[in-house]
Protein backbone atom coordinates (compact mmCIF):
# COMPACT_ATOMS: atom_id res chain seq x y z
CA UNK A 1 -19.98 233.49 153.42
CA UNK A 2 -20.90 230.31 155.25
CA UNK A 3 -19.63 227.03 156.67
CA UNK A 4 -21.13 223.67 157.52
CA UNK A 5 -19.94 221.46 160.37
CA UNK A 6 -21.17 218.46 162.32
CA UNK A 7 -23.13 219.74 165.32
CA UNK A 8 -21.59 217.44 167.95
CA UNK A 9 -18.12 218.33 166.70
CA UNK A 10 -18.89 222.05 166.81
CA UNK A 11 -20.47 221.78 170.26
CA UNK A 12 -17.24 220.23 171.54
CA UNK A 13 -15.18 223.06 170.02
CA UNK A 14 -17.40 225.78 171.48
CA UNK A 15 -17.45 224.14 174.93
CA UNK A 16 -13.65 224.18 174.94
CA UNK A 17 -13.35 227.74 173.61
CA UNK A 18 -15.72 229.11 176.28
CA UNK A 19 -13.16 228.18 178.93
CA UNK A 20 -10.83 230.86 177.61
CA UNK A 21 -13.38 233.68 177.91
CA UNK A 22 -12.80 235.76 181.04
CA UNK A 23 -16.38 237.14 181.01
CA UNK A 24 -15.21 240.30 182.77
CA UNK A 25 -17.95 242.93 182.70
CA UNK A 26 -15.32 245.68 182.58
CA UNK A 27 -13.50 244.18 179.57
CA UNK A 28 -15.79 243.68 176.58
CA UNK A 29 -13.23 241.63 174.66
CA UNK A 30 -13.42 238.90 177.32
CA UNK A 31 -17.13 238.43 176.53
CA UNK A 32 -16.54 237.76 172.83
CA UNK A 33 -15.52 234.85 170.62
CA UNK A 34 -13.79 235.07 167.27
CA UNK A 35 -14.92 232.53 164.63
CA UNK A 36 -12.76 232.28 161.55
CA UNK A 37 -12.46 229.90 158.64
CA UNK A 38 -9.36 229.99 156.46
CA UNK A 39 -8.30 227.32 154.00
CA UNK A 40 -10.91 225.00 155.55
CA UNK A 41 -9.42 225.36 159.04
CA UNK A 42 -11.99 226.56 161.56
CA UNK A 43 -10.59 228.47 164.55
CA UNK A 44 -12.46 229.67 167.64
CA UNK A 45 -10.58 232.21 169.78
CA UNK A 46 -11.34 233.62 173.25
CA UNK A 47 -9.40 235.58 175.85
CA UNK A 48 -9.33 236.71 179.47
CA UNK A 49 -7.35 239.77 178.27
CA UNK A 50 -4.03 238.16 179.28
CA UNK A 51 -4.18 234.68 177.74
CA UNK A 52 -5.66 233.61 174.42
CA UNK A 53 -7.20 230.21 173.71
CA UNK A 54 -7.45 228.86 170.15
CA UNK A 55 -9.55 225.79 169.33
CA UNK A 56 -9.06 224.44 165.81
CA UNK A 57 -10.61 221.95 163.43
CA UNK A 58 -9.34 221.12 159.93
CA UNK A 59 -11.32 219.99 156.87
CA UNK A 60 -14.35 222.17 157.55
CA UNK A 61 -16.36 222.90 154.41
CA UNK A 62 -17.12 226.53 153.66
CA UNK A 63 -15.97 229.96 152.53
CA UNK A 64 -13.19 231.88 154.26
CA UNK A 65 -14.60 234.39 156.74
CA UNK A 66 -14.07 235.94 160.16
CA UNK A 67 -16.75 237.09 162.60
CA UNK A 68 -16.93 238.03 166.28
CA UNK A 69 -19.92 237.13 168.45
CA UNK A 70 -20.93 237.39 172.08
CA UNK A 71 -19.86 234.27 173.95
CA UNK A 72 -22.85 233.85 176.24
CA UNK A 73 -25.83 233.66 173.87
CA UNK A 74 -23.91 231.96 171.06
CA UNK A 75 -22.45 229.18 173.23
CA UNK A 76 -25.79 228.53 174.93
CA UNK A 77 -27.56 228.26 171.57
CA UNK A 78 -24.98 225.88 170.10
CA UNK A 79 -25.12 223.65 173.20
CA UNK A 80 -28.89 223.22 172.77
CA UNK A 81 -28.89 222.17 169.11
CA UNK A 82 -29.94 218.59 168.35
CA UNK A 83 -29.61 218.59 164.54
CA UNK A 84 -26.94 216.59 162.72
CA UNK A 85 -25.18 219.58 161.11
CA UNK A 86 -25.08 223.30 161.81
CA UNK A 87 -24.60 226.03 159.21
CA UNK A 88 -23.09 229.42 160.05
CA UNK A 89 -23.62 232.19 157.51
CA UNK A 90 -22.56 235.83 157.62
CA UNK A 91 -25.12 238.14 156.01
CA UNK A 92 -25.53 241.85 155.46
CA UNK A 93 -28.00 243.89 157.42
CA UNK A 94 -30.18 246.75 156.18
CA UNK A 95 -27.13 249.04 156.09
CA UNK A 96 -25.29 246.71 153.71
CA UNK A 97 -22.70 245.74 156.34
CA UNK A 98 -21.92 242.08 156.98
CA UNK A 99 -23.15 242.39 160.56
CA UNK A 100 -25.41 239.37 161.11
CA UNK A 101 -24.55 235.77 161.89
CA UNK A 102 -27.27 233.36 160.86
CA UNK A 103 -27.21 229.95 162.55
CA UNK A 104 -29.23 227.21 160.84
CA UNK A 105 -29.82 223.88 162.53
CA UNK A 106 -33.07 222.89 164.19
CA UNK A 107 -34.31 226.24 163.02
CA UNK A 108 -32.94 229.63 162.02
CA UNK A 109 -31.41 232.07 164.50
CA UNK A 110 -29.89 235.49 163.90
CA UNK A 111 -27.22 237.07 166.10
CA UNK A 112 -26.18 240.70 165.63
CA UNK A 113 -22.42 241.19 165.46
CA UNK A 114 -20.91 243.62 168.00
CA UNK A 115 -19.48 247.05 167.19
CA UNK A 116 -16.63 248.94 168.86
CA UNK A 117 -16.75 252.50 170.25
CA UNK A 118 -16.05 253.97 166.82
CA UNK A 119 -19.04 252.22 165.32
CA UNK A 120 -16.95 249.61 163.50
CA UNK A 121 -17.36 245.86 163.67
CA UNK A 122 -15.07 244.41 166.35
CA UNK A 123 -11.61 243.51 165.05
CA UNK A 124 -10.55 240.67 167.36
CA UNK A 125 -6.82 240.64 168.25
CA UNK A 126 -4.74 237.67 167.10
CA UNK A 127 -1.40 237.74 168.98
CA UNK A 128 -0.56 234.24 167.78
CA UNK A 129 -0.49 235.40 164.17
CA UNK A 130 1.40 238.59 165.05
CA UNK A 131 4.17 236.74 166.90
CA UNK A 132 4.34 233.45 165.01
CA UNK A 133 7.91 233.97 163.74
CA UNK A 134 9.53 235.36 166.90
CA UNK A 135 10.07 232.31 169.07
CA UNK A 136 13.37 230.52 169.50
CA UNK A 137 13.15 228.59 172.79
CA UNK A 138 11.45 225.23 172.37
CA UNK A 139 10.44 222.60 174.94
CA UNK A 140 7.96 219.76 175.15
CA UNK A 141 5.71 219.00 178.08
CA UNK A 142 3.11 216.28 178.61
CA UNK A 143 -0.59 216.85 179.16
CA UNK A 144 -0.49 214.18 181.89
CA UNK A 145 2.15 216.30 183.68
CA UNK A 146 -0.06 219.38 183.47
CA UNK A 147 -3.01 217.47 184.87
CA UNK A 148 -0.91 216.08 187.71
CA UNK A 149 0.15 219.65 188.58
CA UNK A 150 -3.47 220.81 188.53
CA UNK A 151 -4.72 217.91 190.64
CA UNK A 152 -2.02 218.21 193.32
CA UNK A 153 -0.25 221.58 193.34
CA UNK A 154 -3.23 223.83 192.59
CA UNK A 155 -4.64 223.33 196.09
CA UNK A 156 -1.49 224.89 197.59
CA UNK A 157 -1.55 228.17 195.62
CA UNK A 158 -2.02 231.53 197.30
CA UNK A 159 -5.56 232.70 196.50
CA UNK A 160 -6.86 236.27 196.30
CA UNK A 161 -3.52 238.06 195.91
CA UNK A 162 -2.82 237.97 192.18
CA UNK A 163 -0.07 240.57 192.51
CA UNK A 164 2.15 238.23 194.54
CA UNK A 165 4.50 235.63 193.08
CA UNK A 166 3.05 232.92 195.37
CA UNK A 167 -0.26 233.08 193.50
CA UNK A 168 1.62 231.46 190.57
CA UNK A 169 3.21 228.09 189.91
CA UNK A 170 7.01 228.26 190.17
CA UNK A 171 8.52 226.17 187.37
CA UNK A 172 12.25 225.66 187.86
CA UNK A 173 14.17 222.54 188.81
CA UNK A 174 10.83 221.46 190.27
CA UNK A 175 7.24 222.76 190.08
CA UNK A 176 6.21 224.44 193.35
CA UNK A 177 2.99 225.97 194.67
CA UNK A 178 2.64 227.53 198.11
CA UNK A 179 0.58 229.97 200.12
CA UNK A 180 3.35 229.91 202.79
CA UNK A 181 1.23 227.67 205.06
CA UNK A 182 1.17 224.68 202.74
CA UNK A 183 3.60 223.69 200.00
CA UNK A 184 3.42 221.27 197.12
CA UNK A 185 6.57 220.37 195.20
CA UNK A 186 6.73 218.11 192.15
CA UNK A 187 10.20 217.04 191.09
CA UNK A 188 9.87 217.70 187.39
CA UNK A 189 11.56 220.34 185.23
CA UNK A 190 9.44 222.09 182.60
CA UNK A 191 11.78 224.84 181.34
CA UNK A 192 15.50 225.47 181.10
CA UNK A 193 15.21 228.56 183.29
CA UNK A 194 12.77 229.35 186.13
CA UNK A 195 9.39 230.73 185.10
CA UNK A 196 6.15 231.74 186.83
CA UNK A 197 2.89 230.49 185.32
CA UNK A 198 -0.42 231.98 186.42
CA UNK A 199 -3.18 229.58 187.50
CA UNK A 200 -5.38 230.93 184.68
CA UNK A 201 -2.77 230.00 182.08
CA UNK A 202 -2.14 226.57 183.58
CA UNK A 203 -5.89 225.87 183.69
CA UNK A 204 -6.19 226.56 179.95
CA UNK A 205 -3.70 223.81 179.16
CA UNK A 206 -6.19 221.30 180.55
CA UNK A 207 -8.42 222.03 177.54
CA UNK A 208 -5.94 220.13 175.35
CA UNK A 209 -6.47 216.50 174.44
CA UNK A 210 -3.13 215.77 172.75
CA UNK A 211 -0.56 214.27 175.16
CA UNK A 212 2.44 216.06 173.64
CA UNK A 213 2.41 219.86 173.99
CA UNK A 214 5.01 221.88 172.09
CA UNK A 215 6.14 224.96 174.02
CA UNK A 216 7.76 227.95 172.28
CA UNK A 217 8.77 231.06 174.16
CA UNK A 218 10.78 234.25 173.96
CA UNK A 219 11.28 236.59 176.92
CA UNK A 220 7.93 236.52 178.76
CA UNK A 221 5.70 235.43 175.86
CA UNK A 222 4.84 231.73 175.56
CA UNK A 223 2.86 229.53 173.17
CA UNK A 224 1.60 226.07 174.11
CA UNK A 225 0.70 224.16 170.94
CA UNK A 226 -1.29 220.93 171.32
CA UNK A 227 -2.51 220.64 167.75
CA UNK A 228 -6.24 221.30 167.92
CA UNK A 229 -5.75 223.51 171.01
CA UNK A 230 -3.24 226.37 171.22
CA UNK A 231 -2.74 228.69 174.20
CA UNK A 232 -0.97 232.03 173.86
CA UNK A 233 0.04 233.77 177.10
CA UNK A 234 2.85 235.24 179.11
CA UNK A 235 5.02 234.17 182.01
CA UNK A 236 4.40 236.33 185.07
CA UNK A 237 6.98 238.70 186.50
CA UNK A 238 8.58 238.27 189.92
CA UNK A 239 10.30 234.91 189.62
CA UNK A 240 13.36 236.43 191.33
CA UNK A 241 11.20 237.20 194.40
CA UNK A 242 10.20 233.56 194.86
CA UNK A 243 12.05 232.14 197.90
CA UNK A 244 12.72 228.87 196.16
CA UNK A 245 15.85 227.96 198.12
CA UNK A 246 14.08 228.19 201.49
CA UNK A 247 11.00 226.41 200.14
CA UNK A 248 13.08 223.61 198.62
CA UNK A 249 14.86 223.21 201.95
CA UNK A 250 11.52 222.52 203.60
CA UNK A 251 10.46 220.12 200.86
CA UNK A 252 13.70 218.14 201.12
CA UNK A 253 13.83 218.04 204.92
CA UNK A 254 14.03 214.57 206.48
CA UNK A 255 11.46 213.40 209.03
CA UNK A 256 12.16 210.80 211.75
CA UNK A 257 8.93 208.78 211.40
CA UNK A 258 6.32 207.87 208.83
CA UNK A 259 3.08 205.97 208.42
CA UNK A 260 0.60 205.03 205.73
CA UNK A 261 -3.16 205.28 206.10
CA UNK A 262 -6.11 204.92 203.75
CA UNK A 263 -7.20 208.17 202.12
CA UNK A 264 -10.96 207.63 202.01
CA UNK A 265 -11.51 206.93 205.72
CA UNK A 266 -9.27 209.89 206.61
CA UNK A 267 -11.14 212.23 204.25
CA UNK A 268 -14.53 211.10 205.56
CA UNK A 269 -13.39 211.47 209.15
CA UNK A 270 -12.10 215.02 208.55
CA UNK A 271 -15.43 215.97 206.96
CA UNK A 272 -17.26 214.69 210.06
CA UNK A 273 -14.89 216.31 212.51
CA UNK A 274 -15.18 219.67 210.72
CA UNK A 275 -18.73 219.90 212.07
CA UNK A 276 -17.26 220.17 215.60
CA UNK A 277 -14.55 222.74 214.89
CA UNK A 278 -15.48 226.40 215.39
CA UNK A 279 -13.87 229.82 215.95
CA UNK A 280 -12.94 228.92 219.51
CA UNK A 281 -10.79 226.12 218.08
CA UNK A 282 -9.06 228.57 215.70
CA UNK A 283 -10.08 226.10 212.98
CA UNK A 284 -7.52 223.60 214.28
CA UNK A 285 -7.48 219.97 215.39
CA UNK A 286 -4.99 217.76 217.20
CA UNK A 287 -3.19 214.93 215.43
CA UNK A 288 -1.78 212.25 217.71
CA UNK A 289 0.28 209.41 216.26
CA UNK A 290 -0.27 206.39 218.52
CA UNK A 291 0.95 202.83 218.27
CA UNK A 292 -2.44 201.77 216.94
CA UNK A 293 -3.06 204.54 214.43
CA UNK A 294 -3.62 208.25 213.81
CA UNK A 295 -5.96 209.91 216.32
CA UNK A 296 -7.55 213.18 215.17
CA UNK A 297 -9.51 215.13 217.76
CA UNK A 298 -11.18 218.49 218.21
CA UNK A 299 -9.68 220.96 220.65
CA UNK A 300 -12.73 220.99 222.92
CA UNK A 301 -13.11 217.21 223.14
CA UNK A 302 -16.28 217.24 221.05
CA UNK A 303 -15.09 214.65 218.58
CA UNK A 304 -12.25 212.24 217.94
CA UNK A 305 -11.56 209.29 215.66
CA UNK A 306 -8.75 206.81 215.23
CA UNK A 307 -7.60 205.74 211.75
CA UNK A 308 -5.47 202.56 211.86
CA UNK A 309 -2.15 202.46 210.02
CA UNK A 310 -1.63 200.43 206.88
CA UNK A 311 2.08 200.67 207.70
CA UNK A 312 4.26 202.35 210.34
CA UNK A 313 8.00 203.05 210.14
CA UNK A 314 10.19 204.18 213.08
CA UNK A 315 7.15 204.92 215.23
CA UNK A 316 7.52 207.52 217.96
CA UNK A 317 4.87 209.15 220.12
CA UNK A 318 4.07 212.48 218.48
CA UNK A 319 1.27 215.01 218.63
CA UNK A 320 0.71 218.31 216.84
CA UNK A 321 -1.93 220.88 215.95
CA UNK A 322 -3.09 221.55 212.37
CA UNK A 323 -5.55 223.84 210.61
CA UNK A 324 -8.21 221.33 209.55
CA UNK A 325 -8.96 223.06 206.24
CA UNK A 326 -5.30 223.12 205.22
CA UNK A 327 -5.05 219.45 206.09
CA UNK A 328 -8.22 218.52 204.19
CA UNK A 329 -7.23 220.31 200.98
CA UNK A 330 -3.89 218.52 200.87
CA UNK A 331 -5.37 215.12 201.75
CA UNK A 332 -8.01 215.49 199.02
CA UNK A 333 -5.33 216.54 196.50
CA UNK A 334 -3.27 213.42 197.25
CA UNK A 335 -3.26 211.15 194.19
CA UNK A 336 -3.35 207.70 195.79
CA UNK A 337 -5.73 205.61 197.87
CA UNK A 338 -3.09 205.22 200.57
CA UNK A 339 -1.41 208.32 202.04
CA UNK A 340 2.14 208.37 203.36
CA UNK A 341 2.53 210.88 206.21
CA UNK A 342 5.96 211.87 207.54
CA UNK A 343 6.03 213.38 211.02
CA UNK A 344 8.18 214.20 214.03
CA UNK A 345 9.27 217.79 213.28
CA UNK A 346 8.16 220.80 215.29
CA UNK A 347 7.13 222.94 212.31
CA UNK A 348 5.31 220.74 209.78
CA UNK A 349 4.22 217.32 208.55
CA UNK A 350 4.82 216.00 205.03
CA UNK A 351 2.78 213.93 202.59
CA UNK A 352 4.81 211.92 200.05
CA UNK A 353 3.95 210.16 196.80
CA UNK A 354 6.61 209.42 194.20
CA UNK A 355 8.08 212.70 192.96
CA UNK A 356 5.43 214.78 194.76
CA UNK A 357 5.81 216.26 198.25
CA UNK A 358 3.21 218.21 200.21
CA UNK A 359 4.18 220.21 203.31
CA UNK A 360 1.61 221.44 205.83
CA UNK A 361 2.69 223.95 208.46
CA UNK A 362 1.68 223.26 212.07
CA UNK A 363 -0.65 225.59 213.92
CA UNK A 364 0.02 226.99 217.37
CA UNK A 365 -0.57 224.23 219.91
CA UNK A 366 -2.46 225.65 222.91
CA UNK A 367 -1.38 222.68 225.01
CA UNK A 368 2.28 223.75 224.88
CA UNK A 369 1.39 227.15 226.29
CA UNK A 370 -0.33 225.75 229.35
């Protein structure tokens, strides 16, 4: 049993499929890749034990077969090939079992196929095949929408607490991400009813190249089909615990004043000023909106810079205290060369761009306690 495929094409498939492998030392299945050819459709499958990534290519010449290999060595070998075509062939070992994968390209390489605890060749799960006829909800989302979510909202997710709903993207009337100190809201509706999507599942959608992604789901199970890339996963539990009404209230709150400043100078200034912020500053800086521009200064007067406005609306003297890291992550996630900042409230500032809003909570201002 063997197949032949263009090397560059196969390298692209393998590089994509690797992104679905969790590589968890405690879960052997996450270190494996399924390679199957059926009716001249080649499919590579990987998993993190919760989500499954399928990478497909039609019109591949060869015999139908299915093998499972270790991700690490196999992917590294394929990435280093320089030949025009690569041949994969499954052969029998000394025991007569089809337990060897022979890769022929620049040379000949043999990879032993893995066995399970019962001494049988690994039978890789295929939940997509098992559930293919059970889905009745259908939506369509755009790859560009997914990438906008990843480039803006991802920076606001709660990190390190996977058991909490705020570690996920809330997808209801709008897409929301928050760690309770910063919030990103994108006014776009993905599903008819609110769902929670894990960051791991959302990241896998970025592997797709087709703009239109068909979404089919039933209960908590969901399939994202982008033609050559398919992702099988599950919505997370706990959507009812997400305080979306309170969060939306913050996102929709009006601010008395606003200004626009260039992103690059602000980002560069924050990187410089970070060198002068330490534990005594509680990682915070002062923002002062002056008539001439935005002044950002360290708490101990070790550094300050003024960024001039590109535009100012309803200017009022205003100063506040912000965690510099929270501010930097949201500034860097902003998807325009000019940032619009809304200010004047006593609890937060807001960044605005089209249908996207970013809220950053204020830190305790030591000056008000003096």
